[in-house]
Amino acid sequence: MIFYGIDKNGDDFLDRQEVASAFMPREPQYAEILNERGGFYGDETDLRQIFQKGTREALKNFFKGFVECEVGLEHIR
């Protein structure tokens, strides 16, 4: 469900633009802040250190809410 929600062009592949637009804030000032940040190039070997704890929790809550919303929509259909 999440994959097909992000795959806007329907080619069964996620390109950089689709992933970026899925997580980019809609508010211009927040999007600008994210665009000004440097990239992550994979130097960290401990995967738990890639995101701070608060960010990991926020992503977990996002995915949980997204899936619950999709399940609810399927029940309605």
Protein backbone atom coordinates (compact mmCIF):
# COMPACT_ATOMS: atom_id res chain seq x y z
CA MET A 1 0.00 0.00 0.00
CA ILE A 2 2.75 2.42 0.91
CA PHE A 3 4.79 1.55 -2.18
CA TYR A 4 1.93 2.19 -4.59
CA GLY A 5 1.04 5.40 -2.79
CA ILE A 6 4.56 6.71 -3.36
CA ASP A 7 5.02 5.31 -6.90
CA LYS A 8 3.29 8.18 -8.69
CA ASN A 9 4.21 7.22 -12.27
CA GLY A 10 3.17 3.56 -11.85
CA ASP A 11 6.41 2.06 -13.20
CA ASP A 12 6.84 -0.23 -10.12
CA PHE A 13 10.10 1.54 -9.23
CA LEU A 14 10.72 4.33 -6.76
CA ASP A 15 12.95 7.04 -8.12
CA ARG A 16 14.61 9.77 -6.08
CA GLN A 17 11.94 12.35 -6.89
CA GLU A 18 9.08 10.08 -5.75
CA VAL A 19 10.75 9.29 -2.44
CA ALA A 20 11.73 12.91 -1.88
CA SER A 21 8.22 14.19 -2.59
CA ALA A 22 6.71 11.56 -0.28
CA PHE A 23 8.64 12.90 2.70
CA MET A 24 9.10 16.56 1.76
CA PRO A 25 7.03 18.92 3.92
CA ARG A 26 4.38 20.88 2.03
CA GLU A 27 5.17 24.09 3.90
CA PRO A 28 7.80 25.98 1.86
CA GLN A 29 9.83 27.15 4.85
CA TYR A 30 10.23 23.59 6.19
CA ALA A 31 11.02 22.23 2.73
CA GLU A 32 13.71 24.90 2.38
CA ILE A 33 15.28 23.88 5.70
CA LEU A 34 15.50 20.27 4.55
CA ASN A 35 16.88 21.20 1.15
CA GLU A 36 19.67 23.23 2.78
CA ARG A 37 20.87 20.32 4.91
CA GLY A 38 23.81 18.22 3.81
CA GLY A 39 23.42 14.70 2.54
CA PHE A 40 24.10 11.44 4.34
CA TYR A 41 26.61 9.28 2.51
CA GLY A 42 26.56 6.10 4.58
CA ASP A 43 29.58 6.54 6.86
CA GLU A 44 27.65 5.37 9.92
CA THR A 45 27.92 1.61 10.53
CA ASP A 46 25.33 1.46 13.36
CA LEU A 47 21.98 1.81 11.60
CA ARG A 48 20.32 3.01 14.81
CA GLN A 49 22.54 6.10 14.68
CA ILE A 50 21.40 7.20 11.21
CA PHE A 51 18.33 8.89 12.68
CA GLN A 52 17.97 10.29 16.16
CA LYS A 53 15.52 8.51 18.45
CA GLY A 54 12.82 11.16 17.98
CA THR A 55 13.08 10.89 14.20
CA ARG A 56 12.85 7.09 14.32
CA GLU A 57 9.74 7.36 16.49
CA ALA A 58 8.20 9.93 14.14
CA LEU A 59 8.82 7.67 11.12
CA LYS A 60 7.39 4.68 12.96
CA ASN A 61 4.27 6.67 13.85
CA PHE A 62 3.97 7.93 10.26
CA PHE A 63 4.08 4.43 8.79
CA LYS A 64 1.71 3.07 11.44
CA GLY A 65 -0.80 5.88 10.79
CA PHE A 66 -0.46 5.50 7.02
CA VAL A 67 -1.16 1.77 7.16
CA GLU A 68 -4.08 2.23 9.56
CA CYS A 69 -5.57 4.84 7.22
CA GLU A 70 -5.21 2.54 4.20
CA VAL A 71 -6.78 -0.37 6.10
CA GLY A 72 -9.68 1.88 7.08
CA LEU A 73 -10.16 2.95 3.46
CA GLU A 74 -10.16 -0.69 2.36
CA HIS A 75 -12.90 -1.45 4.89
CA ILE A 76 -14.95 1.40 3.51
CA ARG A 77 -14.49 0.15 -0.07
